Amino acid sequence: MAQQIQDFMTGHPVTARTLTSLSEAARLMRDADIGDLLVVDDDGRLKGILTDRDLVIRAIAENRDPAETTVRAVCSPAPVTVQPQDAPGRAADLMHEHALRRLPVTEEDGCLVGIVTLGDLAIEGDPDSALADISTAESNG
């Protein structure tokens, strides 16, 4: 049986609601030791992705107040996604085409169910590769 994204994606990723402040979002990222948050509405539908780079470029560099600015104001809206039943090759192609390191996984109705990263694909495709080794290494920061 051919593998699907749902076979190795991370389920239940860390999320933030659209009206979450940037301060709270940064704390969520710090506490979970991650570099991105998936932004969802009250129904769990994906609305965007907020990266640590977004915080720096679109918030700090623009002198936005992190306590008053919401994630909706600086996140990247309408991220490229895959569905749980998609083949890993589809995710790899999309990552290559759009220069991405992570893809949210959504159902057809837009409900978020997980995330797949470049590291996940590397581990799945070649567990002995350098990228797989880096992806499974313990964080140093």
Protein backbone atom coordinates (compact mmCIF):
# COMPACT_ATOMS: atom_id res chain seq x y z
CA MET A 1 0.00 0.00 0.00
CA ALA A 2 1.34 3.42 -0.94
CA GLN A 3 2.22 5.75 1.89
CA GLN A 4 0.16 8.82 2.63
CA ILE A 5 0.96 12.05 4.46
CA GLN A 6 -1.21 10.92 7.39
CA ASP A 7 1.21 8.04 7.98
CA PHE A 8 3.98 10.33 9.25
CA MET A 9 2.61 13.86 9.71
CA THR A 10 2.56 15.43 13.15
CA GLY A 11 -1.03 15.42 14.31
CA HIS A 12 -2.46 18.07 16.62
CA PRO A 13 0.09 20.79 15.82
CA VAL A 14 0.41 23.85 18.01
CA THR A 15 -2.07 26.48 16.90
CA ALA A 16 -3.09 30.03 17.68
CA ARG A 17 -6.45 31.67 17.08
CA THR A 18 -6.57 34.62 14.72
CA LEU A 19 -6.96 37.15 17.56
CA THR A 20 -4.08 35.81 19.67
CA SER A 21 -1.55 38.53 20.47
CA LEU A 22 1.97 38.28 19.10
CA SER A 23 3.28 38.18 22.67
CA GLU A 24 1.21 35.09 23.43
CA ALA A 25 2.14 33.54 20.08
CA ALA A 26 5.84 34.03 20.83
CA ARG A 27 5.40 32.36 24.23
CA LEU A 28 3.60 29.41 22.60
CA MET A 29 6.46 29.03 20.13
CA ARG A 30 9.06 29.25 22.88
CA ASP A 31 7.30 26.78 25.16
CA ALA A 32 6.78 24.26 22.36
CA ASP A 33 10.30 24.83 20.94
CA ILE A 34 8.93 25.47 17.44
CA GLY A 35 9.45 28.13 14.79
CA ASP A 36 5.92 28.38 13.50
CA LEU A 37 2.28 28.40 14.59
CA LEU A 38 -0.68 27.44 12.49
CA VAL A 39 -3.39 30.10 12.71
CA VAL A 40 -6.96 28.80 12.92
CA ASP A 41 -10.43 30.26 13.30
CA ASP A 42 -12.88 29.23 16.02
CA ASP A 43 -13.97 26.24 13.91
CA GLY A 44 -10.42 24.89 13.53
CA ARG A 45 -10.10 25.93 9.90
CA LEU A 46 -6.65 27.00 8.81
CA LYS A 47 -6.35 30.75 8.20
CA GLY A 48 -2.61 31.23 8.03
CA ILE A 49 0.82 30.36 9.31
CA LEU A 50 2.95 32.51 11.61
CA THR A 51 6.69 31.93 11.57
CA ASP A 52 9.44 33.31 13.74
CA ARG A 53 10.56 35.21 10.65
CA ASP A 54 7.09 36.81 10.37
CA LEU A 55 7.47 38.03 13.95
CA VAL A 56 10.79 39.66 13.14
CA ILE A 57 10.10 41.08 9.66
CA ARG A 58 6.42 42.00 9.91
CA ALA A 59 6.17 42.93 13.57
CA ILE A 60 9.40 43.86 15.35
CA ALA A 61 10.99 45.56 12.33
CA GLU A 62 7.76 47.54 11.85
CA ASN A 63 7.64 48.61 15.52
CA ARG A 64 4.29 46.89 16.10
CA ASP A 65 3.20 46.46 19.71
CA PRO A 66 3.35 42.69 20.35
CA ALA A 67 0.76 42.91 23.12
CA GLU A 68 -1.74 44.69 20.85
CA THR A 69 -1.01 43.16 17.44
CA THR A 70 -2.79 39.92 16.55
CA VAL A 71 -1.36 36.99 14.66
CA ARG A 72 -3.91 37.64 11.91
CA ALA A 73 -2.21 40.99 11.22
CA VAL A 74 1.21 39.51 10.43
CA CYS A 75 0.75 35.84 9.54
CA SER A 76 1.04 34.55 6.01
CA PRO A 77 -2.55 33.97 4.90
CA ALA A 78 -3.76 31.05 2.78
CA PRO A 79 -0.74 28.78 3.15
CA VAL A 80 -0.09 25.98 0.70
CA THR A 81 -1.50 22.75 2.14
CA VAL A 82 -1.73 19.03 1.55
CA GLN A 83 -4.42 16.56 2.53
CA PRO A 84 -3.90 13.48 4.73
CA GLN A 85 -4.38 11.09 1.80
CA ASP A 86 -1.83 12.81 -0.44
CA ALA A 87 1.36 10.99 -1.35
CA PRO A 88 4.64 12.17 0.17
CA GLY A 89 5.83 13.05 -3.33
CA ARG A 90 3.09 15.65 -3.63
CA ALA A 91 4.28 17.32 -0.43
CA ALA A 92 7.87 17.25 -1.63
CA ASP A 93 6.88 18.76 -4.98
CA LEU A 94 4.92 21.57 -3.30
CA MET A 95 7.77 22.30 -0.89
CA HIS A 96 10.19 22.50 -3.79
CA GLU A 97 7.88 24.60 -5.97
CA HIS A 98 7.08 27.13 -3.22
CA ALA A 99 10.42 26.97 -1.31
CA LEU A 100 8.74 25.76 1.90
CA ARG A 101 10.00 23.70 4.82
CA ARG A 102 6.59 22.83 6.26
CA LEU A 103 3.08 22.22 5.02
CA PRO A 104 -0.13 22.24 7.03
CA VAL A 105 -2.31 19.19 6.51
CA THR A 106 -6.01 19.95 6.12
CA GLU A 107 -9.17 18.09 5.27
CA GLU A 108 -11.15 19.17 2.19
CA ASP A 109 -13.23 21.55 4.34
CA GLY A 110 -10.10 23.39 5.51
CA CYS A 111 -10.01 21.88 9.00
CA LEU A 112 -6.45 21.50 10.23
CA VAL A 113 -5.38 17.95 11.11
CA GLY A 114 -1.59 18.13 11.16
CA ILE A 115 1.65 19.39 9.72
CA VAL A 116 4.38 17.75 7.67
CA THR A 117 7.91 19.12 7.50
CA LEU A 118 10.84 18.74 5.19
CA GLY A 119 12.49 16.76 7.97
CA ASP A 120 9.53 14.38 8.16
CA LEU A 121 9.88 13.69 4.44
CA ALA A 122 13.63 13.18 4.79
CA ILE A 123 13.22 10.75 7.67
CA GLU A 124 10.51 8.84 5.83
CA GLY A 125 12.38 8.76 2.51
CA ASP A 126 15.90 8.07 3.77
CA PRO A 127 16.29 7.67 7.54
CA ASP A 128 20.09 7.61 7.17
CA SER A 129 20.38 10.91 5.28
CA ALA A 130 22.09 13.97 6.75
CA LEU A 131 18.80 15.88 6.76
CA ALA A 132 17.11 13.04 8.65
CA ASP A 133 19.95 13.10 11.20
CA ILE A 134 19.58 16.86 11.66
CA SER A 135 15.79 16.58 11.91
CA THR A 136 15.96 14.00 14.69
CA ALA A 137 18.74 15.73 16.64
CA GLU A 138 17.92 17.38 19.92
CA SER A 139 17.40 21.14 19.80
CA ASN A 140 20.32 23.27 20.92
CA GLY A 141 18.37 26.40 21.51
